[in-house]
Each structure stands twice: as C-alpha cells, then as structure tokens.
C-alpha cells in the first residue's frame, strides 16, 4: 500500500482539508485499497483536537465528511519511514520536515501545491487567522493539489 502524509503546522486546517480531499478522490477513483492518507502537524500544540470548525464547515459543504474523523497529531520520527510521500503545505513546514528527516529519506518530502501545476502558486496559505474566504481559497487549492497528486501517482504507479 502506498501511503501519503499531508503536513501543515497545527494539523487543524490545511492538512486535514488536503487529507479529506485526497481520501475522497481515492474513493472516487477506486484506489482506496491501494493507497492510504493521513495528516499531521509540525507543531504538537493541538494534539488530539478536531479540525478547526471553519475547515470542517467548508469540507462538509463540499461533501468531504472524512474530515470529521480526523484528529490533530504531530509528525513523529516513524512517519518518515512509514509514508511514501510526505506533502508539506508550505516552505516553512517543508523546512521543519527536512530538519527532522533522516537524509536517506529526504526524497519523500515535497511541497503539496506544485502538483496542481499552477506556476503562480507553490504554497497553501494558512487560513487560521483569517475568515471564511481564506478557508474557501484553501479548499480550492487542496482540491486542485489533490487531483494533481493522484494524477501524478497514477502515471508513476500505473
């Protein structure tokens, strides 16, 4: 089974949204038996918490009910071995992941949004201190990024 980990800072906004979209897209494509998705954060301060209510609201409005089952957790050392692809929502989180990742596993770390193939945007902005419009924008980016990730994996994995 191929395993994907979506990572943001607190694991209550961006990475749960991305993971929910990835899970739904795997189901839609009939790949849920071949791939698994989880999310985590580089900051452990929200451990055990549900996703931000604004993230839950936008996810539910688009049919991504998987978000309700998610709980925040920090990235742990075993994640670098267990996951085949670790997707950071922004460069700050990618840097944190790189700092904790064993050198022989660095090839697993990538930014999430470049998979959407939008040259003008490479990072998913943190909507936490904003309003509902910020969460709407992040959801749009997560949907495009998730489709791009799975399109690329479909090409690579056959």
N, C-alpha and C. Protein backbone atom coordinates (compact mmCIF):
# COMPACT_ATOMS: atom_id res chain seq x y z
N UNK A 1 0.85 -1.18 0.00
CA UNK A 1 0.00 0.00 0.00
C UNK A 1 0.89 1.24 0.00
N UNK A 2 0.55 2.20 -0.84
CA UNK A 2 1.26 3.47 -0.93
C UNK A 2 0.62 4.42 0.07
N UNK A 3 1.46 5.07 0.89
CA UNK A 3 0.95 5.93 1.97
C UNK A 3 1.38 7.39 1.76
N UNK A 4 0.40 8.29 1.91
CA UNK A 4 0.61 9.73 1.74
C UNK A 4 0.33 10.43 3.06
N UNK A 5 1.20 11.35 3.45
CA UNK A 5 1.00 12.16 4.66
C UNK A 5 0.97 13.63 4.26
N UNK A 6 -0.12 14.32 4.60
CA UNK A 6 -0.25 15.76 4.38
C UNK A 6 0.14 16.47 5.68
N UNK A 7 0.98 17.51 5.57
CA UNK A 7 1.52 18.17 6.76
C UNK A 7 1.38 19.68 6.68
N UNK A 8 0.82 20.27 7.75
CA UNK A 8 0.83 21.71 7.94
C UNK A 8 1.37 21.99 9.33
N UNK A 9 1.16 23.15 9.87
CA UNK A 9 1.73 23.47 11.17
C UNK A 9 0.96 22.78 12.30
N UNK A 10 -0.31 23.10 12.48
CA UNK A 10 -1.05 22.59 13.62
C UNK A 10 -1.90 21.38 13.36
N UNK A 11 -2.03 20.99 12.08
CA UNK A 11 -2.84 19.86 11.68
C UNK A 11 -4.31 20.06 12.07
N UNK A 12 -4.79 21.30 11.95
CA UNK A 12 -6.21 21.56 12.21
C UNK A 12 -6.89 22.31 11.05
N UNK A 13 -6.13 22.75 10.06
CA UNK A 13 -6.73 23.48 8.94
C UNK A 13 -6.35 22.85 7.59
N UNK A 14 -5.16 23.19 7.12
CA UNK A 14 -4.76 22.81 5.76
C UNK A 14 -4.58 21.32 5.56
N UNK A 15 -3.80 20.67 6.41
CA UNK A 15 -3.55 19.24 6.16
C UNK A 15 -4.79 18.38 6.34
N UNK A 16 -5.68 18.66 7.31
CA UNK A 16 -6.92 17.86 7.33
C UNK A 16 -7.79 18.09 6.09
N UNK A 17 -7.80 19.32 5.59
CA UNK A 17 -8.55 19.57 4.36
C UNK A 17 -7.95 18.79 3.20
N UNK A 18 -6.64 18.87 3.04
CA UNK A 18 -5.97 18.15 1.95
C UNK A 18 -6.18 16.65 2.08
N UNK A 19 -6.04 16.12 3.30
CA UNK A 19 -6.22 14.69 3.51
C UNK A 19 -7.65 14.26 3.19
N UNK A 20 -8.63 15.06 3.57
CA UNK A 20 -10.03 14.73 3.30
C UNK A 20 -10.31 14.69 1.80
N UNK A 21 -9.76 15.64 1.07
CA UNK A 21 -9.94 15.65 -0.37
C UNK A 21 -9.22 14.46 -1.00
N UNK A 22 -8.00 14.19 -0.55
CA UNK A 22 -7.27 13.03 -1.08
C UNK A 22 -8.03 11.73 -0.84
N UNK A 23 -8.58 11.57 0.36
CA UNK A 23 -9.33 10.35 0.68
C UNK A 23 -10.55 10.21 -0.23
N UNK A 24 -11.28 11.29 -0.41
CA UNK A 24 -12.47 11.25 -1.26
C UNK A 24 -12.10 10.96 -2.71
N UNK A 25 -11.01 11.56 -3.16
CA UNK A 25 -10.58 11.34 -4.54
C UNK A 25 -10.09 9.91 -4.75
N UNK A 26 -9.45 9.33 -3.74
CA UNK A 26 -9.06 7.92 -3.83
C UNK A 26 -10.29 7.03 -3.97
N UNK A 27 -11.32 7.33 -3.18
CA UNK A 27 -12.58 6.58 -3.27
C UNK A 27 -13.19 6.71 -4.66
N UNK A 28 -13.23 7.95 -5.14
CA UNK A 28 -13.84 8.21 -6.44
C UNK A 28 -13.12 7.44 -7.56
N UNK A 29 -11.80 7.34 -7.45
CA UNK A 29 -11.01 6.66 -8.48
C UNK A 29 -10.95 5.15 -8.26
N UNK A 30 -11.46 4.68 -7.14
CA UNK A 30 -11.39 3.25 -6.84
C UNK A 30 -10.02 2.79 -6.39
N UNK A 31 -9.27 3.69 -5.79
CA UNK A 31 -7.89 3.40 -5.38
C UNK A 31 -7.73 3.26 -3.87
N UNK A 32 -8.80 3.30 -3.13
CA UNK A 32 -8.68 3.32 -1.67
C UNK A 32 -8.09 2.02 -1.10
N UNK A 33 -8.09 0.96 -1.87
CA UNK A 33 -7.44 -0.28 -1.42
C UNK A 33 -5.95 -0.28 -1.72
N UNK A 34 -5.50 0.65 -2.56
CA UNK A 34 -4.09 0.73 -2.96
C UNK A 34 -3.31 1.82 -2.25
N UNK A 35 -4.04 2.83 -1.74
CA UNK A 35 -3.38 3.98 -1.12
C UNK A 35 -4.08 4.37 0.17
N UNK A 36 -3.29 4.93 1.09
CA UNK A 36 -3.83 5.44 2.35
C UNK A 36 -3.33 6.85 2.57
N UNK A 37 -4.11 7.63 3.30
CA UNK A 37 -3.78 9.04 3.56
C UNK A 37 -3.94 9.33 5.04
N UNK A 38 -3.05 10.17 5.56
CA UNK A 38 -3.14 10.67 6.92
C UNK A 38 -2.67 12.12 6.90
N UNK A 39 -2.82 12.79 8.02
CA UNK A 39 -2.31 14.16 8.13
C UNK A 39 -1.65 14.33 9.48
N UNK A 40 -0.75 15.31 9.57
CA UNK A 40 -0.02 15.58 10.80
C UNK A 40 0.46 17.02 10.77
N UNK A 41 0.99 17.48 11.90
CA UNK A 41 1.48 18.84 12.01
C UNK A 41 2.90 18.89 12.52
N UNK A 42 3.59 19.97 12.19
CA UNK A 42 4.95 20.16 12.70
C UNK A 42 4.93 20.76 14.11
N UNK A 43 3.76 21.17 14.57
CA UNK A 43 3.56 21.75 15.89
C UNK A 43 2.59 20.85 16.65
N UNK A 44 2.95 20.45 17.86
CA UNK A 44 2.14 19.49 18.62
C UNK A 44 1.10 20.13 19.52
N UNK A 45 0.98 21.44 19.50
CA UNK A 45 0.11 22.15 20.43
C UNK A 45 -1.38 21.88 20.31
N UNK A 46 -1.80 21.28 19.20
CA UNK A 46 -3.22 20.97 19.01
C UNK A 46 -3.49 19.47 19.08
N UNK A 47 -2.54 18.70 19.55
CA UNK A 47 -2.66 17.24 19.54
C UNK A 47 -3.99 16.77 20.13
N UNK A 48 -4.66 15.89 19.39
CA UNK A 48 -5.93 15.33 19.81
C UNK A 48 -7.15 16.16 19.47
N UNK A 49 -6.95 17.39 19.03
CA UNK A 49 -8.08 18.27 18.71
C UNK A 49 -8.70 17.93 17.36
N UNK A 50 -9.98 18.25 17.23
CA UNK A 50 -10.67 18.16 15.96
C UNK A 50 -10.18 19.29 15.06
N UNK A 51 -10.38 19.15 13.74
CA UNK A 51 -10.04 20.26 12.85
C UNK A 51 -10.83 21.52 13.21
N UNK A 52 -10.28 22.66 12.82
CA UNK A 52 -10.92 23.95 13.02
C UNK A 52 -12.36 23.89 12.47
N UNK A 53 -13.32 24.43 13.22
CA UNK A 53 -14.72 24.39 12.75
C UNK A 53 -14.92 25.01 11.36
N UNK A 54 -14.13 26.00 11.00
CA UNK A 54 -14.25 26.60 9.67
C UNK A 54 -13.79 25.62 8.59
N UNK A 55 -12.76 24.83 8.90
CA UNK A 55 -12.30 23.81 7.96
C UNK A 55 -13.36 22.72 7.81
N UNK A 56 -13.94 22.32 8.94
CA UNK A 56 -15.00 21.31 8.90
C UNK A 56 -16.18 21.82 8.08
N UNK A 57 -16.56 23.06 8.27
CA UNK A 57 -17.71 23.62 7.55
C UNK A 57 -17.50 23.61 6.05
N UNK A 58 -16.33 24.07 5.59
CA UNK A 58 -16.11 24.10 4.15
C UNK A 58 -15.98 22.69 3.59
N UNK A 59 -15.33 21.79 4.33
CA UNK A 59 -15.20 20.41 3.86
C UNK A 59 -16.58 19.74 3.75
N UNK A 60 -17.39 19.91 4.76
CA UNK A 60 -18.73 19.30 4.76
C UNK A 60 -19.59 19.88 3.65
N UNK A 61 -19.46 21.18 3.38
CA UNK A 61 -20.26 21.81 2.34
C UNK A 61 -19.94 21.26 0.95
N UNK A 62 -18.76 20.66 0.82
CA UNK A 62 -18.35 20.08 -0.47
C UNK A 62 -18.37 18.55 -0.45
N UNK A 63 -18.89 17.98 0.60
CA UNK A 63 -19.05 16.53 0.63
C UNK A 63 -17.87 15.73 1.14
N UNK A 64 -16.95 16.38 1.85
CA UNK A 64 -15.77 15.68 2.38
C UNK A 64 -15.97 15.37 3.87
N UNK A 65 -16.84 14.43 4.14
CA UNK A 65 -17.17 14.08 5.52
C UNK A 65 -16.04 13.43 6.29
N UNK A 66 -15.00 12.95 5.60
CA UNK A 66 -13.86 12.32 6.26
C UNK A 66 -13.20 13.24 7.28
N UNK A 67 -13.34 14.53 7.08
CA UNK A 67 -12.69 15.48 7.98
C UNK A 67 -13.19 15.33 9.42
N UNK A 68 -14.41 14.88 9.60
CA UNK A 68 -14.97 14.76 10.95
C UNK A 68 -14.28 13.67 11.78
N UNK A 69 -13.62 12.73 11.13
CA UNK A 69 -12.94 11.65 11.84
C UNK A 69 -11.50 12.00 12.21
N UNK A 70 -10.99 13.08 11.66
CA UNK A 70 -9.58 13.41 11.87
C UNK A 70 -9.35 14.10 13.22
N UNK A 71 -8.17 13.84 13.77
CA UNK A 71 -7.71 14.49 15.00
C UNK A 71 -6.27 14.90 14.79
N UNK A 72 -5.92 16.04 15.34
CA UNK A 72 -4.57 16.56 15.17
C UNK A 72 -3.55 15.66 15.85
N UNK A 73 -2.43 15.51 15.18
CA UNK A 73 -1.30 14.80 15.75
C UNK A 73 -0.02 15.40 15.18
N UNK A 74 1.07 15.30 15.92
CA UNK A 74 2.33 15.80 15.39
C UNK A 74 3.01 14.76 14.50
N UNK A 75 3.86 15.24 13.63
CA UNK A 75 4.73 14.35 12.87
C UNK A 75 5.66 13.67 13.87
N UNK A 76 5.86 12.38 13.72
CA UNK A 76 6.79 11.62 14.57
C UNK A 76 7.84 10.98 13.68
N UNK A 77 8.96 10.60 14.27
CA UNK A 77 10.09 10.05 13.52
C UNK A 77 9.68 8.87 12.64
N UNK A 78 8.80 8.02 13.12
CA UNK A 78 8.38 6.84 12.36
C UNK A 78 7.66 7.22 11.07
N UNK A 79 7.08 8.41 10.99
CA UNK A 79 6.37 8.83 9.78
C UNK A 79 7.29 8.87 8.57
N UNK A 80 8.55 9.20 8.77
CA UNK A 80 9.48 9.30 7.64
C UNK A 80 9.71 7.93 7.00
N UNK A 81 9.64 6.88 7.79
CA UNK A 81 9.77 5.52 7.28
C UNK A 81 8.44 5.01 6.74
N UNK A 82 7.36 5.25 7.46
CA UNK A 82 6.06 4.66 7.17
C UNK A 82 5.40 5.21 5.90
N UNK A 83 5.59 6.50 5.62
CA UNK A 83 4.92 7.12 4.47
C UNK A 83 5.84 7.17 3.26
N UNK A 84 5.23 7.00 2.10
CA UNK A 84 5.97 7.01 0.83
C UNK A 84 6.09 8.41 0.25
N UNK A 85 5.13 9.28 0.58
CA UNK A 85 5.11 10.65 0.08
C UNK A 85 4.62 11.54 1.22
N UNK A 86 5.42 12.53 1.57
CA UNK A 86 5.09 13.45 2.65
C UNK A 86 4.99 14.84 2.04
N UNK A 87 3.79 15.39 2.09
CA UNK A 87 3.48 16.64 1.39
C UNK A 87 3.30 17.79 2.37
N UNK A 88 4.20 18.76 2.30
CA UNK A 88 4.13 19.95 3.14
C UNK A 88 3.27 21.01 2.46
N UNK A 89 2.48 21.71 3.26
CA UNK A 89 1.60 22.74 2.70
C UNK A 89 2.35 24.03 2.36
N UNK A 90 3.50 24.26 3.01
CA UNK A 90 4.27 25.47 2.72
C UNK A 90 5.76 25.21 2.97
N UNK A 91 6.58 26.18 2.58
CA UNK A 91 8.04 26.03 2.71
C UNK A 91 8.51 25.97 4.17
N UNK A 92 7.84 26.69 5.06
CA UNK A 92 8.23 26.64 6.47
C UNK A 92 8.08 25.22 7.01
N UNK A 93 6.95 24.59 6.73
CA UNK A 93 6.74 23.22 7.19
C UNK A 93 7.65 22.24 6.47
N UNK A 94 7.93 22.48 5.20
CA UNK A 94 8.88 21.63 4.49
C UNK A 94 10.25 21.71 5.15
N UNK A 95 10.67 22.91 5.53
CA UNK A 95 11.95 23.07 6.22
C UNK A 95 11.99 22.34 7.55
N UNK A 96 10.89 22.39 8.28
CA UNK A 96 10.81 21.67 9.57
C UNK A 96 10.91 20.16 9.32
N UNK A 97 10.22 19.69 8.31
CA UNK A 97 10.29 18.27 7.98
C UNK A 97 11.71 17.87 7.57
N UNK A 98 12.34 18.68 6.73
CA UNK A 98 13.71 18.39 6.29
C UNK A 98 14.67 18.32 7.46
N UNK A 99 14.47 19.19 8.44
CA UNK A 99 15.35 19.20 9.60
C UNK A 99 15.23 17.93 10.44
N UNK A 100 14.07 17.30 10.45
CA UNK A 100 13.86 16.11 11.25
C UNK A 100 13.95 14.80 10.50
N UNK A 101 14.09 14.88 9.19
CA UNK A 101 14.07 13.68 8.35
C UNK A 101 15.47 13.08 8.19
N UNK A 102 15.59 11.78 8.32
CA UNK A 102 16.88 11.14 8.03
C UNK A 102 17.28 11.43 6.58
N UNK A 103 18.55 11.71 6.33
CA UNK A 103 18.99 12.10 4.98
C UNK A 103 18.59 11.12 3.87
N UNK A 104 18.58 9.84 4.15
CA UNK A 104 18.26 8.87 3.11
C UNK A 104 16.76 8.82 2.77
N UNK A 105 15.95 9.58 3.51
CA UNK A 105 14.50 9.61 3.24
C UNK A 105 14.02 10.98 2.76
N UNK A 106 14.93 11.92 2.58
CA UNK A 106 14.54 13.27 2.15
C UNK A 106 13.79 13.28 0.82
N UNK A 107 14.02 12.28 -0.02
CA UNK A 107 13.35 12.22 -1.32
C UNK A 107 11.83 12.08 -1.19
N UNK A 108 11.34 11.71 -0.02
CA UNK A 108 9.90 11.56 0.21
C UNK A 108 9.19 12.89 0.45
N UNK A 109 9.94 13.94 0.75
CA UNK A 109 9.37 15.23 1.13
C UNK A 109 9.17 16.12 -0.10
N UNK A 110 7.97 16.67 -0.23
CA UNK A 110 7.69 17.59 -1.32
C UNK A 110 6.64 18.61 -0.87
N UNK A 111 6.60 19.71 -1.59
CA UNK A 111 5.50 20.65 -1.40
C UNK A 111 4.26 20.08 -2.08
N UNK A 112 3.11 20.31 -1.50
CA UNK A 112 1.84 19.79 -1.99
C UNK A 112 1.36 20.50 -3.25
N UNK A 113 1.33 21.82 -3.22
CA UNK A 113 0.64 22.58 -4.27
C UNK A 113 1.28 22.50 -5.65
N UNK A 114 2.59 22.35 -5.80
CA UNK A 114 3.11 22.23 -7.17
C UNK A 114 2.50 21.08 -7.98
N UNK A 115 1.92 20.10 -7.31
CA UNK A 115 1.24 19.03 -8.04
C UNK A 115 0.03 19.56 -8.81
N UNK A 116 -0.52 20.70 -8.39
CA UNK A 116 -1.65 21.30 -9.11
C UNK A 116 -1.22 21.90 -10.43
N UNK A 117 0.08 22.04 -10.60
CA UNK A 117 0.67 22.60 -11.82
C UNK A 117 0.21 24.03 -12.10
N UNK A 118 0.15 24.81 -11.02
CA UNK A 118 -0.12 26.23 -11.14
C UNK A 118 1.18 26.96 -10.87
N UNK A 119 1.85 27.46 -11.87
CA UNK A 119 3.17 28.06 -11.64
C UNK A 119 3.15 29.29 -10.73
N UNK A 120 2.01 29.96 -10.64
CA UNK A 120 1.96 31.19 -9.84
C UNK A 120 1.78 30.91 -8.34
N UNK A 121 1.43 29.69 -7.96
CA UNK A 121 1.24 29.37 -6.55
C UNK A 121 1.96 28.08 -6.21
N UNK A 122 2.78 28.13 -5.14
CA UNK A 122 3.51 26.93 -4.72
C UNK A 122 3.21 26.55 -3.28
N UNK A 123 2.53 27.43 -2.53
CA UNK A 123 2.25 27.17 -1.13
C UNK A 123 0.76 27.36 -0.83
N UNK A 124 0.26 26.54 0.09
CA UNK A 124 -1.11 26.70 0.56
C UNK A 124 -1.04 27.62 1.77
N UNK A 125 -1.65 28.81 1.71
CA UNK A 125 -1.55 29.76 2.83
C UNK A 125 -2.32 29.27 4.06
N UNK A 126 -1.85 29.67 5.21
CA UNK A 126 -2.50 29.29 6.47
C UNK A 126 -3.72 30.18 6.67
N UNK A 127 -4.94 29.60 6.70
CA UNK A 127 -6.14 30.41 6.85
C UNK A 127 -6.54 30.68 8.30
N UNK A 128 -5.79 30.16 9.25
CA UNK A 128 -6.20 30.13 10.66
C UNK A 128 -6.60 31.51 11.20
N UNK A 129 -5.83 32.54 10.89
CA UNK A 129 -6.12 33.87 11.45
C UNK A 129 -7.01 34.72 10.54
N UNK A 130 -7.57 34.09 9.52
CA UNK A 130 -8.43 34.82 8.60
C UNK A 130 -9.90 34.49 8.77
N UNK A 131 -10.63 34.69 7.68
CA UNK A 131 -12.07 34.47 7.71
C UNK A 131 -12.47 33.30 6.82
N UNK A 132 -13.75 33.12 6.62
CA UNK A 132 -14.26 32.00 5.82
C UNK A 132 -13.73 32.03 4.39
N UNK A 133 -13.51 33.22 3.84
CA UNK A 133 -12.99 33.32 2.47
C UNK A 133 -11.62 32.68 2.36
N UNK A 134 -10.80 32.80 3.39
CA UNK A 134 -9.48 32.16 3.39
C UNK A 134 -9.61 30.64 3.36
N UNK A 135 -10.56 30.11 4.08
CA UNK A 135 -10.79 28.66 4.08
C UNK A 135 -11.32 28.19 2.74
N UNK A 136 -12.15 29.02 2.11
CA UNK A 136 -12.66 28.70 0.77
C UNK A 136 -11.50 28.62 -0.22
N UNK A 137 -10.60 29.58 -0.15
CA UNK A 137 -9.43 29.58 -1.05
C UNK A 137 -8.56 28.36 -0.80
N UNK A 138 -8.32 28.03 0.46
CA UNK A 138 -7.50 26.87 0.80
C UNK A 138 -8.17 25.59 0.29
N UNK A 139 -9.47 25.48 0.42
CA UNK A 139 -10.17 24.30 -0.09
C UNK A 139 -10.00 24.18 -1.60
N UNK A 140 -10.12 25.29 -2.32
CA UNK A 140 -9.91 25.25 -3.77
C UNK A 140 -8.50 24.76 -4.11
N UNK A 141 -7.51 25.25 -3.37
CA UNK A 141 -6.13 24.82 -3.60
C UNK A 141 -5.95 23.35 -3.26
N UNK A 142 -6.57 22.90 -2.19
CA UNK A 142 -6.46 21.49 -1.79
C UNK A 142 -7.11 20.57 -2.82
N UNK A 143 -8.23 20.99 -3.38
CA UNK A 143 -8.86 20.17 -4.41
C UNK A 143 -7.97 20.05 -5.64
N UNK A 144 -7.40 21.16 -6.07
CA UNK A 144 -6.51 21.13 -7.24
C UNK A 144 -5.25 20.34 -6.94
N UNK A 145 -4.68 20.54 -5.76
CA UNK A 145 -3.46 19.82 -5.39
C UNK A 145 -3.70 18.32 -5.28
N UNK A 146 -4.81 17.93 -4.68
CA UNK A 146 -5.11 16.50 -4.51
C UNK A 146 -5.28 15.82 -5.87
N UNK A 147 -6.01 16.46 -6.76
CA UNK A 147 -6.16 15.88 -8.11
C UNK A 147 -4.80 15.73 -8.78
N UNK A 148 -3.96 16.75 -8.63
CA UNK A 148 -2.63 16.70 -9.23
C UNK A 148 -1.76 15.60 -8.64
N UNK A 149 -1.80 15.45 -7.33
CA UNK A 149 -1.02 14.39 -6.67
C UNK A 149 -1.44 13.03 -7.21
N UNK A 150 -2.73 12.77 -7.24
CA UNK A 150 -3.20 11.46 -7.66
C UNK A 150 -3.04 11.25 -9.17
N UNK A 151 -3.15 12.30 -9.95
CA UNK A 151 -2.86 12.17 -11.39
C UNK A 151 -1.41 11.74 -11.58
N UNK A 152 -0.49 12.39 -10.87
CA UNK A 152 0.93 12.07 -10.99
C UNK A 152 1.21 10.66 -10.49
N UNK A 153 0.64 10.29 -9.36
CA UNK A 153 0.85 8.94 -8.82
C UNK A 153 0.27 7.89 -9.77
N UNK A 154 -0.85 8.20 -10.39
CA UNK A 154 -1.43 7.27 -11.36
C UNK A 154 -0.49 7.02 -12.52
N UNK A 155 0.19 8.09 -12.95
CA UNK A 155 1.19 7.95 -14.03
C UNK A 155 2.38 7.13 -13.56
N UNK A 156 2.86 7.44 -12.35
CA UNK A 156 4.07 6.80 -11.83
C UNK A 156 3.84 5.36 -11.39
N UNK A 157 2.69 5.09 -10.79
CA UNK A 157 2.45 3.76 -10.22
C UNK A 157 1.68 2.83 -11.17
N UNK A 158 1.11 3.42 -12.20
CA UNK A 158 0.39 2.61 -13.19
C UNK A 158 -0.98 2.20 -12.81
